[in-house]
Amino acid sequence: MSSGHFKQDLFTQFARVGKALANANRLELIEFLAQGERSVDELARVAGLSVA
């Protein structure tokens, strides 16, 4: 793999992470998970979703 191809793949992965973190709801869930293990029910409650 060439250096240029490696860099492009790396930047693509960074962009994917950035897109995932660009949502306020996702950031709230990540912050909640950073405080400790949580159940699906707890995550759903924080996100305002139902568990189906």
C-alpha atoms as a PDB file:
ATOM      1  CA  MET A   1       0.000   0.000   0.000  1.00  0.00           C
ATOM      2  CA  SER A   2       1.401   3.352  -0.970  1.00  0.00           C
ATOM      3  CA  SER A   3       1.796   6.158   1.526  1.00  0.00           C
ATOM      4  CA  GLY A   4      -0.763   8.254  -0.327  1.00  0.00           C
ATOM      5  CA  HIS A   5      -3.318   5.436  -0.311  1.00  0.00           C
ATOM      6  CA  PHE A   6      -2.720   4.817   3.396  1.00  0.00           C
ATOM      7  CA  LYS A   7      -3.242   8.499   4.187  1.00  0.00           C
ATOM      8  CA  GLN A   8      -6.444   8.618   2.155  1.00  0.00           C
ATOM      9  CA  ASP A   9      -7.810   5.558   3.999  1.00  0.00           C
ATOM     10  CA  LEU A  10      -6.830   7.085   7.333  1.00  0.00           C
ATOM     11  CA  PHE A  11      -8.544  10.378   6.524  1.00  0.00           C
ATOM     12  CA  THR A  12     -11.643   8.509   5.382  1.00  0.00           C
ATOM     13  CA  GLN A  13     -11.796   6.759   8.748  1.00  0.00           C
ATOM     14  CA  PHE A  14     -11.351  10.079  10.580  1.00  0.00           C
ATOM     15  CA  ALA A  15     -14.217  11.535   8.548  1.00  0.00           C
ATOM     16  CA  ARG A  16     -16.455   8.606   9.510  1.00  0.00           C
ATOM     17  CA  VAL A  17     -15.708   9.138  13.187  1.00  0.00           C
ATOM     18  CA  GLY A  18     -16.365  12.848  12.790  1.00  0.00           C
ATOM     19  CA  LYS A  19     -19.741  12.166  11.180  1.00  0.00           C
ATOM     20  CA  ALA A  20     -20.680   9.804  14.003  1.00  0.00           C
ATOM     21  CA  LEU A  21     -19.777  12.406  16.620  1.00  0.00           C
ATOM     22  CA  ALA A  22     -21.495  15.250  14.778  1.00  0.00           C
ATOM     23  CA  ASN A  23     -24.870  14.282  16.216  1.00  0.00           C
ATOM     24  CA  ALA A  24     -25.760  15.800  19.590  1.00  0.00           C
ATOM     25  CA  ASN A  25     -27.839  12.779  20.605  1.00  0.00           C
ATOM     26  CA  ARG A  26     -24.933  10.421  19.962  1.00  0.00           C
ATOM     27  CA  LEU A  27     -22.597  12.640  21.961  1.00  0.00           C
ATOM     28  CA  GLU A  28     -25.052  12.610  24.854  1.00  0.00           C
ATOM     29  CA  LEU A  29     -25.136   8.801  24.794  1.00  0.00           C
ATOM     30  CA  ILE A  30     -21.334   8.613  24.629  1.00  0.00           C
ATOM     31  CA  GLU A  31     -21.072  10.944  27.621  1.00  0.00           C
ATOM     32  CA  PHE A  32     -23.618   8.819  29.503  1.00  0.00           C
ATOM     33  CA  LEU A  33     -21.683   5.625  28.680  1.00  0.00           C
ATOM     34  CA  ALA A  34     -18.419   7.253  29.775  1.00  0.00           C
ATOM     35  CA  GLN A  35     -19.831   7.411  33.307  1.00  0.00           C
ATOM     36  CA  GLY A  36     -20.086   3.621  33.480  1.00  0.00           C
ATOM     37  CA  GLU A  37     -21.879   0.585  32.142  1.00  0.00           C
ATOM     38  CA  ARG A  38     -25.504   1.177  31.219  1.00  0.00           C
ATOM     39  CA  SER A  39     -28.362  -1.079  30.242  1.00  0.00           C
ATOM     40  CA  VAL A  40     -30.204  -0.761  26.965  1.00  0.00           C
ATOM     41  CA  ASP A  41     -33.222   0.452  28.926  1.00  0.00           C
ATOM     42  CA  GLU A  42     -31.166   3.261  30.485  1.00  0.00           C
ATOM     43  CA  LEU A  43     -29.773   4.300  27.101  1.00  0.00           C
ATOM     44  CA  ALA A  44     -33.244   4.290  25.575  1.00  0.00           C
ATOM     45  CA  ARG A  45     -34.564   6.442  28.412  1.00  0.00           C
ATOM     46  CA  VAL A  46     -31.773   9.002  27.957  1.00  0.00           C
ATOM     47  CA  ALA A  47     -32.324   9.020  24.198  1.00  0.00           C
ATOM     48  CA  GLY A  48     -36.088   9.260  24.563  1.00  0.00           C
ATOM     49  CA  LEU A  49     -36.607   6.018  22.642  1.00  0.00           C
ATOM     50  CA  SER A  50     -38.526   2.856  23.348  1.00  0.00           C
ATOM     51  CA  VAL A  51     -36.965  -0.581  23.548  1.00  0.00           C
ATOM     52  CA  ALA A  52     -38.673  -2.892  21.098  1.00  0.00           C
END
